[in-house]
């Protein structure tokens, strides 16, 4: 994933209703959901939900397919995985992460984040 695509994806997710819809669609899996069902689950007006889903689709995070009269939305898992990969690409100091590695930065003492600077 390149930087402009990441910025579009993060921008689309940087809104409460879109983030909630995306998370709901991740849970729905390949079956997906139609806009009315998503709106109902999230307590949002259907027309607003369609607007938010369009933003997610424009960012490439969701796909849509027609099923009879309904448009079914599903997560674009390769795009989601690409975004996650981009964000965690250098989490292990620039070396490839091991499958069982937990990516955690070294702990910083919040009270004294630069202890060497305080040495007399």
N, C-alpha and C. Protein backbone atom coordinates (compact mmCIF):
# COMPACT_ATOMS: atom_id res chain seq x y z
N UNK A 1 0.86 -1.17 0.00
CA UNK A 1 0.00 0.00 0.00
C UNK A 1 0.90 1.23 0.00
N UNK A 2 0.58 2.21 -0.81
CA UNK A 2 1.38 3.42 -0.85
C UNK A 2 0.80 4.49 0.07
N UNK A 3 1.59 5.51 0.35
CA UNK A 3 1.20 6.54 1.32
C UNK A 3 -0.13 7.22 0.97
N UNK A 4 -0.40 7.62 -0.29
CA UNK A 4 -1.69 8.25 -0.57
C UNK A 4 -2.89 7.34 -0.28
N UNK A 5 -2.76 6.04 -0.55
CA UNK A 5 -3.85 5.11 -0.24
C UNK A 5 -4.03 4.96 1.26
N UNK A 6 -2.95 4.95 2.00
CA UNK A 6 -3.02 4.86 3.46
C UNK A 6 -3.70 6.11 4.02
N UNK A 7 -3.36 7.26 3.50
CA UNK A 7 -3.96 8.52 3.96
C UNK A 7 -5.45 8.52 3.67
N UNK A 8 -5.87 8.05 2.49
CA UNK A 8 -7.31 7.96 2.18
C UNK A 8 -8.02 7.01 3.14
N UNK A 9 -7.40 5.87 3.40
CA UNK A 9 -8.01 4.88 4.29
C UNK A 9 -8.12 5.41 5.70
N UNK A 10 -7.06 5.97 6.21
CA UNK A 10 -7.10 6.51 7.57
C UNK A 10 -8.07 7.68 7.68
N UNK A 11 -8.14 8.50 6.64
CA UNK A 11 -9.09 9.60 6.62
C UNK A 11 -10.52 9.10 6.65
N UNK A 12 -10.79 8.03 5.92
CA UNK A 12 -12.14 7.47 5.90
C UNK A 12 -12.49 6.88 7.26
N UNK A 13 -11.54 6.29 7.94
CA UNK A 13 -11.79 5.68 9.24
C UNK A 13 -11.79 6.69 10.38
N UNK A 14 -11.36 7.90 10.11
CA UNK A 14 -11.25 8.92 11.15
C UNK A 14 -12.58 9.64 11.38
N UNK A 15 -13.64 8.87 11.43
CA UNK A 15 -14.98 9.41 11.69
C UNK A 15 -15.74 8.33 12.44
N UNK A 16 -16.41 8.70 13.49
CA UNK A 16 -17.05 7.75 14.41
C UNK A 16 -17.96 6.74 13.72
N UNK A 17 -18.88 7.20 12.86
CA UNK A 17 -19.84 6.29 12.23
C UNK A 17 -19.17 5.38 11.20
N UNK A 18 -18.21 5.92 10.46
CA UNK A 18 -17.51 5.09 9.48
C UNK A 18 -16.67 4.03 10.16
N UNK A 19 -16.00 4.40 11.23
CA UNK A 19 -15.20 3.41 11.97
C UNK A 19 -16.10 2.32 12.54
N UNK A 20 -17.23 2.70 13.10
CA UNK A 20 -18.17 1.72 13.66
C UNK A 20 -18.72 0.81 12.56
N UNK A 21 -19.05 1.38 11.41
CA UNK A 21 -19.57 0.58 10.28
C UNK A 21 -18.50 -0.39 9.79
N UNK A 22 -17.28 0.08 9.67
CA UNK A 22 -16.19 -0.78 9.21
C UNK A 22 -16.00 -1.94 10.18
N UNK A 23 -15.99 -1.66 11.46
CA UNK A 23 -15.81 -2.73 12.46
C UNK A 23 -16.97 -3.72 12.41
N UNK A 24 -18.17 -3.22 12.19
CA UNK A 24 -19.34 -4.10 12.07
C UNK A 24 -19.21 -5.00 10.84
N UNK A 25 -18.74 -4.43 9.74
CA UNK A 25 -18.55 -5.22 8.52
C UNK A 25 -17.44 -6.25 8.67
N UNK A 26 -16.41 -5.93 9.44
CA UNK A 26 -15.35 -6.92 9.70
C UNK A 26 -15.97 -8.11 10.42
N UNK A 27 -16.85 -7.84 11.38
CA UNK A 27 -17.51 -8.90 12.13
C UNK A 27 -18.46 -9.71 11.23
N UNK A 28 -19.08 -9.04 10.26
CA UNK A 28 -20.04 -9.71 9.37
C UNK A 28 -19.36 -10.69 8.43
N UNK A 29 -18.08 -10.48 8.15
CA UNK A 29 -17.34 -11.38 7.28
C UNK A 29 -17.75 -11.26 5.83
N UNK A 30 -17.56 -12.35 5.08
CA UNK A 30 -17.82 -12.34 3.64
C UNK A 30 -19.30 -12.18 3.31
N UNK A 31 -20.17 -12.50 4.24
CA UNK A 31 -21.61 -12.34 4.01
C UNK A 31 -21.97 -10.87 3.83
N UNK A 32 -21.31 -9.98 4.57
CA UNK A 32 -21.57 -8.56 4.47
C UNK A 32 -22.91 -8.16 5.02
N UNK A 33 -23.26 -6.91 4.81
CA UNK A 33 -24.53 -6.37 5.28
C UNK A 33 -24.98 -5.27 4.31
N UNK A 34 -26.29 -5.03 4.28
CA UNK A 34 -26.78 -3.92 3.46
C UNK A 34 -26.84 -2.65 4.32
N UNK A 35 -26.85 -1.52 3.66
CA UNK A 35 -26.76 -0.22 4.35
C UNK A 35 -27.84 -0.05 5.40
N UNK A 36 -29.06 -0.48 5.11
CA UNK A 36 -30.16 -0.33 6.07
C UNK A 36 -29.90 -1.11 7.35
N UNK A 37 -29.37 -2.32 7.22
CA UNK A 37 -29.08 -3.14 8.39
C UNK A 37 -27.95 -2.52 9.21
N UNK A 38 -26.95 -1.99 8.53
CA UNK A 38 -25.84 -1.34 9.24
C UNK A 38 -26.36 -0.12 9.97
N UNK A 39 -27.16 0.69 9.28
CA UNK A 39 -27.71 1.90 9.89
C UNK A 39 -28.55 1.56 11.12
N UNK A 40 -29.36 0.52 11.00
CA UNK A 40 -30.21 0.12 12.12
C UNK A 40 -29.36 -0.32 13.32
N UNK A 41 -28.35 -1.13 13.06
CA UNK A 41 -27.49 -1.62 14.15
C UNK A 41 -26.75 -0.49 14.84
N UNK A 42 -26.39 0.55 14.07
CA UNK A 42 -25.62 1.65 14.63
C UNK A 42 -26.48 2.83 15.07
N UNK A 43 -27.79 2.76 14.79
CA UNK A 43 -28.68 3.85 15.17
C UNK A 43 -28.46 5.12 14.37
N UNK A 44 -28.23 4.95 13.08
CA UNK A 44 -27.94 6.08 12.18
C UNK A 44 -28.99 6.08 11.07
N UNK A 45 -29.35 7.26 10.59
CA UNK A 45 -30.29 7.39 9.48
C UNK A 45 -29.68 6.73 8.24
N UNK A 46 -30.51 5.98 7.49
CA UNK A 46 -30.02 5.22 6.32
C UNK A 46 -29.31 6.09 5.29
N UNK A 47 -29.83 7.28 5.03
CA UNK A 47 -29.20 8.15 4.03
C UNK A 47 -27.80 8.57 4.50
N UNK A 48 -27.64 8.82 5.78
CA UNK A 48 -26.31 9.15 6.31
C UNK A 48 -25.38 7.96 6.21
N UNK A 49 -25.92 6.77 6.48
CA UNK A 49 -25.09 5.57 6.41
C UNK A 49 -24.59 5.35 5.00
N UNK A 50 -25.44 5.57 4.01
CA UNK A 50 -25.02 5.43 2.61
C UNK A 50 -23.87 6.37 2.29
N UNK A 51 -23.93 7.59 2.81
CA UNK A 51 -22.87 8.57 2.62
C UNK A 51 -21.56 8.04 3.22
N UNK A 52 -21.62 7.51 4.43
CA UNK A 52 -20.43 7.00 5.10
C UNK A 52 -19.87 5.77 4.39
N UNK A 53 -20.75 4.89 3.94
CA UNK A 53 -20.29 3.71 3.21
C UNK A 53 -19.64 4.09 1.89
N UNK A 54 -20.15 5.13 1.25
CA UNK A 54 -19.54 5.61 0.01
C UNK A 54 -18.12 6.10 0.28
N UNK A 55 -17.91 6.76 1.41
CA UNK A 55 -16.57 7.24 1.76
C UNK A 55 -15.63 6.05 1.99
N UNK A 56 -16.11 5.02 2.66
CA UNK A 56 -15.30 3.82 2.88
C UNK A 56 -14.99 3.12 1.56
N UNK A 57 -15.98 3.08 0.66
CA UNK A 57 -15.77 2.45 -0.65
C UNK A 57 -14.76 3.26 -1.47
N UNK A 58 -14.87 4.58 -1.43
CA UNK A 58 -13.93 5.45 -2.16
C UNK A 58 -12.50 5.23 -1.67
N UNK A 59 -12.35 4.96 -0.37
CA UNK A 59 -11.02 4.71 0.19
C UNK A 59 -10.54 3.28 -0.09
N UNK A 60 -11.40 2.46 -0.69
CA UNK A 60 -11.03 1.09 -1.02
C UNK A 60 -11.14 0.11 0.12
N UNK A 61 -11.76 0.53 1.23
CA UNK A 61 -11.84 -0.34 2.40
C UNK A 61 -13.02 -1.29 2.36
N UNK A 62 -14.06 -0.94 1.60
CA UNK A 62 -15.22 -1.83 1.47
C UNK A 62 -15.55 -2.01 0.00
N UNK A 63 -16.15 -3.14 -0.28
CA UNK A 63 -16.63 -3.43 -1.63
C UNK A 63 -18.15 -3.55 -1.56
N UNK A 64 -18.79 -3.41 -2.69
CA UNK A 64 -20.24 -3.54 -2.72
C UNK A 64 -20.66 -4.45 -3.86
N UNK A 65 -21.77 -5.15 -3.63
CA UNK A 65 -22.33 -6.00 -4.67
C UNK A 65 -23.85 -5.91 -4.57
N UNK A 66 -24.48 -6.07 -5.70
CA UNK A 66 -25.94 -6.02 -5.74
C UNK A 66 -26.51 -7.40 -5.47
N UNK A 67 -27.49 -7.45 -4.59
CA UNK A 67 -28.22 -8.68 -4.30
C UNK A 67 -29.70 -8.31 -4.35
N UNK A 68 -30.33 -8.62 -5.47
CA UNK A 68 -31.72 -8.24 -5.71
C UNK A 68 -31.80 -6.71 -5.68
N UNK A 69 -32.57 -6.15 -4.78
CA UNK A 69 -32.71 -4.69 -4.69
C UNK A 69 -31.73 -4.06 -3.71
N UNK A 70 -30.97 -4.87 -3.02
CA UNK A 70 -30.08 -4.36 -1.98
C UNK A 70 -28.64 -4.28 -2.47
N UNK A 71 -27.91 -3.36 -1.91
CA UNK A 71 -26.46 -3.29 -2.11
C UNK A 71 -25.83 -3.85 -0.84
N UNK A 72 -25.05 -4.90 -0.99
CA UNK A 72 -24.39 -5.54 0.14
C UNK A 72 -22.95 -5.04 0.22
N UNK A 73 -22.56 -4.60 1.40
CA UNK A 73 -21.21 -4.09 1.63
C UNK A 73 -20.40 -5.14 2.38
N UNK A 74 -19.17 -5.33 1.94
CA UNK A 74 -18.24 -6.24 2.61
C UNK A 74 -16.88 -5.54 2.74
N UNK A 75 -16.13 -5.97 3.72
CA UNK A 75 -14.79 -5.42 3.91
C UNK A 75 -13.87 -5.92 2.80
N UNK A 76 -13.05 -5.05 2.31
CA UNK A 76 -12.00 -5.41 1.36
C UNK A 76 -10.80 -5.85 2.22
N UNK A 77 -10.74 -7.15 2.52
CA UNK A 77 -9.72 -7.65 3.43
C UNK A 77 -8.29 -7.42 2.94
N UNK A 78 -8.00 -7.57 1.65
CA UNK A 78 -6.63 -7.25 1.21
C UNK A 78 -6.26 -5.80 1.50
N UNK A 79 -7.20 -4.87 1.33
CA UNK A 79 -6.92 -3.46 1.64
C UNK A 79 -6.71 -3.27 3.14
N UNK A 80 -7.56 -3.92 3.95
CA UNK A 80 -7.42 -3.82 5.40
C UNK A 80 -6.07 -4.38 5.83
N UNK A 81 -5.70 -5.53 5.29
CA UNK A 81 -4.41 -6.14 5.64
C UNK A 81 -3.24 -5.29 5.14
N UNK A 82 -3.41 -4.67 3.98
CA UNK A 82 -2.38 -3.78 3.46
C UNK A 82 -2.18 -2.58 4.36
N UNK A 83 -3.28 -2.02 4.85
CA UNK A 83 -3.20 -0.89 5.77
C UNK A 83 -2.49 -1.29 7.06
N UNK A 84 -2.89 -2.42 7.62
CA UNK A 84 -2.26 -2.90 8.84
C UNK A 84 -0.77 -3.18 8.61
N UNK A 85 -0.45 -3.77 7.47
CA UNK A 85 0.94 -4.04 7.15
C UNK A 85 1.76 -2.77 7.02
N UNK A 86 1.19 -1.76 6.38
CA UNK A 86 1.88 -0.48 6.23
C UNK A 86 2.16 0.14 7.59
N UNK A 87 1.15 0.09 8.47
CA UNK A 87 1.29 0.72 9.79
C UNK A 87 2.28 -0.02 10.69
N UNK A 88 2.44 -1.30 10.48
CA UNK A 88 3.32 -2.09 11.36
C UNK A 88 4.60 -2.53 10.67
N UNK A 89 4.85 -2.01 9.48
CA UNK A 89 5.98 -2.44 8.67
C UNK A 89 7.31 -2.39 9.40
N UNK A 90 7.52 -1.41 10.21
CA UNK A 90 8.81 -1.25 10.88
C UNK A 90 8.72 -1.43 12.39
N UNK A 91 7.72 -2.18 12.83
CA UNK A 91 7.51 -2.31 14.27
C UNK A 91 8.62 -3.06 14.98
N UNK A 92 9.37 -3.82 14.28
CA UNK A 92 10.44 -4.62 14.89
C UNK A 92 11.81 -4.04 14.55
N UNK A 93 11.91 -2.74 14.51
CA UNK A 93 13.18 -2.10 14.25
C UNK A 93 13.67 -2.24 12.83
N UNK A 94 12.76 -2.44 11.90
CA UNK A 94 13.13 -2.54 10.50
C UNK A 94 13.47 -3.93 10.03
N UNK A 95 13.48 -4.91 10.93
CA UNK A 95 13.73 -6.29 10.52
C UNK A 95 12.39 -7.01 10.45
N UNK A 96 12.27 -8.02 9.60
CA UNK A 96 11.00 -8.73 9.50
C UNK A 96 10.58 -9.30 10.86
N UNK A 97 9.29 -9.12 11.17
CA UNK A 97 8.75 -9.64 12.42
C UNK A 97 8.61 -11.14 12.33
N UNK A 98 8.79 -11.81 13.43
CA UNK A 98 8.52 -13.24 13.50
C UNK A 98 7.02 -13.41 13.66
N UNK A 99 6.48 -14.52 13.18
CA UNK A 99 5.05 -14.75 13.26
C UNK A 99 4.51 -14.66 14.68
N UNK A 100 5.29 -15.10 15.66
CA UNK A 100 4.80 -15.11 17.04
C UNK A 100 5.31 -13.92 17.85
N UNK A 101 5.93 -12.95 17.19
CA UNK A 101 6.46 -11.78 17.89
C UNK A 101 5.33 -10.84 18.28
N UNK A 102 5.49 -10.25 19.44
CA UNK A 102 4.56 -9.22 19.88
C UNK A 102 5.27 -7.90 19.68
N UNK A 103 4.68 -7.04 18.88
CA UNK A 103 5.31 -5.77 18.57
C UNK A 103 5.01 -4.76 19.68
N UNK A 104 5.96 -4.53 20.52
CA UNK A 104 5.82 -3.56 21.61
C UNK A 104 7.09 -2.74 21.66
N UNK A 105 6.95 -1.41 21.64
CA UNK A 105 8.15 -0.59 21.76
C UNK A 105 8.70 -0.69 23.18
N UNK A 106 9.97 -0.36 23.38
CA UNK A 106 10.52 -0.38 24.73
C UNK A 106 9.73 0.58 25.62
N UNK A 107 9.55 0.21 26.86
CA UNK A 107 8.81 1.05 27.79
C UNK A 107 9.62 2.29 28.14
N UNK A 108 8.91 3.42 28.20
CA UNK A 108 9.51 4.68 28.58
C UNK A 108 8.96 5.07 29.93
N UNK A 109 9.81 5.53 30.80
CA UNK A 109 9.38 6.03 32.09
C UNK A 109 8.70 7.37 31.85
N UNK A 110 7.40 7.42 32.04
CA UNK A 110 6.62 8.63 31.75
C UNK A 110 7.07 9.78 32.65
N UNK A 111 7.36 9.48 33.91
CA UNK A 111 7.77 10.52 34.84
C UNK A 111 9.13 11.09 34.48
N UNK A 112 9.99 10.25 33.89
CA UNK A 112 11.33 10.67 33.55
C UNK A 112 11.72 10.03 32.21
N UNK A 113 11.19 10.55 31.09
CA UNK A 113 11.43 9.90 29.79
C UNK A 113 12.86 9.94 29.30
N UNK A 114 13.68 10.85 29.82
CA UNK A 114 15.09 10.96 29.39
C UNK A 114 15.99 10.94 30.62
N UNK A 115 16.12 9.78 31.28
CA UNK A 115 16.88 9.73 32.54
C UNK A 115 18.36 10.10 32.38
N UNK A 116 18.96 9.82 31.25
CA UNK A 116 20.38 10.13 31.06
C UNK A 116 20.63 11.63 31.07
N UNK A 117 19.61 12.42 30.68
CA UNK A 117 19.79 13.87 30.64
C UNK A 117 19.80 14.48 32.03
N UNK A 118 19.32 13.75 33.03
CA UNK A 118 19.24 14.29 34.38
C UNK A 118 20.43 13.91 35.24
N UNK A 119 21.41 13.22 34.66
CA UNK A 119 22.58 12.82 35.41
C UNK A 119 23.49 14.03 35.56
N UNK A 120 23.95 14.27 36.80
CA UNK A 120 24.79 15.46 37.07
C UNK A 120 26.22 15.21 36.74
